[in-house]
Amino acid sequence: MPIITNLDNILARKKMSLTELSDRVDITIANLSILKSGKAKAIRFSTLEAICKELNCKPGDILDYAPENLNNEK
């Protein structure tokens, strides 16, 4: 999937565990883990807002777009 999540990098920079973020934003560790691993199919804006507010970042810091095959697109 061409959408990449950088949640693990941000957590490392903030020296925060997934468990701590889960407690602070009231989102289950399982759901955050799915988001962190890139296996999420969707994210609610309210969830993204809560994460960004707690980590003091922007959505673009967490989500990135990297097309799989730039050369095959026409």
C-alpha atoms as a PDB file:
ATOM      1  CA  MET A   1       0.000   0.000   0.000  1.00  0.00           C
ATOM      2  CA  PRO A   2       1.417   3.399  -0.914  1.00  0.00           C
ATOM      3  CA  ILE A   3       0.357   5.032   2.383  1.00  0.00           C
ATOM      4  CA  ILE A   4       3.119   4.734   4.980  1.00  0.00           C
ATOM      5  CA  THR A   5       2.773   5.440   8.692  1.00  0.00           C
ATOM      6  CA  ASN A   6       5.624   7.012  10.623  1.00  0.00           C
ATOM      7  CA  LEU A   7       4.069   6.588  14.056  1.00  0.00           C
ATOM      8  CA  ASP A   8       6.935   4.425  15.324  1.00  0.00           C
ATOM      9  CA  ASN A   9       9.501   7.096  14.368  1.00  0.00           C
ATOM     10  CA  ILE A  10       7.541   9.859  16.084  1.00  0.00           C
ATOM     11  CA  LEU A  11       7.074   7.762  19.213  1.00  0.00           C
ATOM     12  CA  ALA A  12      10.811   7.070  19.322  1.00  0.00           C
ATOM     13  CA  ARG A  13      11.648  10.771  18.967  1.00  0.00           C
ATOM     14  CA  LYS A  14       9.184  11.641  21.729  1.00  0.00           C
ATOM     15  CA  LYS A  15      10.494   8.749  23.857  1.00  0.00           C
ATOM     16  CA  MET A  16       6.940   7.517  24.305  1.00  0.00           C
ATOM     17  CA  SER A  17       5.709   3.936  24.260  1.00  0.00           C
ATOM     18  CA  LEU A  18       2.657   2.730  22.382  1.00  0.00           C
ATOM     19  CA  THR A  19       1.112   1.885  25.758  1.00  0.00           C
ATOM     20  CA  GLU A  20       1.614   5.431  27.017  1.00  0.00           C
ATOM     21  CA  LEU A  21       0.094   6.914  23.845  1.00  0.00           C
ATOM     22  CA  SER A  22      -2.818   4.498  24.150  1.00  0.00           C
ATOM     23  CA  ASP A  23      -3.513   5.667  27.692  1.00  0.00           C
ATOM     24  CA  ARG A  24      -3.230   9.348  26.776  1.00  0.00           C
ATOM     25  CA  VAL A  25      -5.531   9.262  23.727  1.00  0.00           C
ATOM     26  CA  ASP A  26      -7.901   6.534  24.972  1.00  0.00           C
ATOM     27  CA  ILE A  27      -7.359   4.275  21.961  1.00  0.00           C
ATOM     28  CA  THR A  28      -6.656   0.577  22.377  1.00  0.00           C
ATOM     29  CA  ILE A  29      -3.106  -0.664  21.993  1.00  0.00           C
ATOM     30  CA  ALA A  30      -4.384  -3.117  19.385  1.00  0.00           C
ATOM     31  CA  ASN A  31      -5.773  -0.319  17.206  1.00  0.00           C
ATOM     32  CA  LEU A  32      -2.638   1.780  17.570  1.00  0.00           C
ATOM     33  CA  SER A  33      -0.526  -1.262  16.737  1.00  0.00           C
ATOM     34  CA  ILE A  34      -2.511  -1.818  13.533  1.00  0.00           C
ATOM     35  CA  LEU A  35      -1.959   1.814  12.597  1.00  0.00           C
ATOM     36  CA  LYS A  36       1.741   1.667  13.498  1.00  0.00           C
ATOM     37  CA  SER A  37       2.320  -1.475  11.441  1.00  0.00           C
ATOM     38  CA  GLY A  38       0.674   0.014   8.352  1.00  0.00           C
ATOM     39  CA  LYS A  39      -2.079  -2.599   8.288  1.00  0.00           C
ATOM     40  CA  ALA A  40      -4.898  -0.113   8.951  1.00  0.00           C
ATOM     41  CA  LYS A  41      -7.417   0.291   6.143  1.00  0.00           C
ATOM     42  CA  ALA A  42      -8.717   3.614   7.487  1.00  0.00           C
ATOM     43  CA  ILE A  43      -8.340   6.116  10.307  1.00  0.00           C
ATOM     44  CA  ARG A  44     -10.963   8.431  11.733  1.00  0.00           C
ATOM     45  CA  PHE A  45     -10.157  12.111  11.730  1.00  0.00           C
ATOM     46  CA  SER A  46     -10.985  12.223  15.440  1.00  0.00           C
ATOM     47  CA  THR A  47      -8.370   9.509  16.075  1.00  0.00           C
ATOM     48  CA  LEU A  48      -5.791  11.282  13.934  1.00  0.00           C
ATOM     49  CA  GLU A  49      -6.559  14.554  15.714  1.00  0.00           C
ATOM     50  CA  ALA A  50      -6.133  12.959  19.160  1.00  0.00           C
ATOM     51  CA  ILE A  51      -2.800  11.405  18.180  1.00  0.00           C
ATOM     52  CA  CYS A  52      -1.517  14.638  16.636  1.00  0.00           C
ATOM     53  CA  LYS A  53      -2.608  16.656  19.655  1.00  0.00           C
ATOM     54  CA  GLU A  54      -0.822  14.332  22.075  1.00  0.00           C
ATOM     55  CA  LEU A  55       2.348  14.035  19.977  1.00  0.00           C
ATOM     56  CA  ASN A  56       2.326  17.720  19.016  1.00  0.00           C
ATOM     57  CA  CYS A  57       2.620  16.934  15.322  1.00  0.00           C
ATOM     58  CA  LYS A  58       0.703  17.272  12.059  1.00  0.00           C
ATOM     59  CA  PRO A  59      -1.097  14.493  10.139  1.00  0.00           C
ATOM     60  CA  GLY A  60       1.610  14.679   7.468  1.00  0.00           C
ATOM     61  CA  ASP A  61       4.183  13.783  10.110  1.00  0.00           C
ATOM     62  CA  ILE A  62       2.343  10.518  10.762  1.00  0.00           C
ATOM     63  CA  LEU A  63       1.140   9.631   7.266  1.00  0.00           C
ATOM     64  CA  ASP A  64       3.183   9.668   4.076  1.00  0.00           C
ATOM     65  CA  TYR A  65       2.516   8.726   0.460  1.00  0.00           C
ATOM     66  CA  ALA A  66       5.027   6.615  -1.454  1.00  0.00           C
ATOM     67  CA  PRO A  67       3.716   5.245  -4.750  1.00  0.00           C
ATOM     68  CA  GLU A  68       4.741   1.647  -5.330  1.00  0.00           C
ATOM     69  CA  ASN A  69       5.444   1.981  -9.038  1.00  0.00           C
ATOM     70  CA  LEU A  70       6.073   5.497 -10.224  1.00  0.00           C
ATOM     71  CA  ASN A  71       7.470   4.228 -13.542  1.00  0.00           C
ATOM     72  CA  ASN A  72       4.348   2.216 -14.404  1.00  0.00           C
ATOM     73  CA  GLU A  73       1.920   5.123 -13.950  1.00  0.00           C
ATOM     74  CA  LYS A  74       0.793   6.872 -17.115  1.00  0.00           C
END
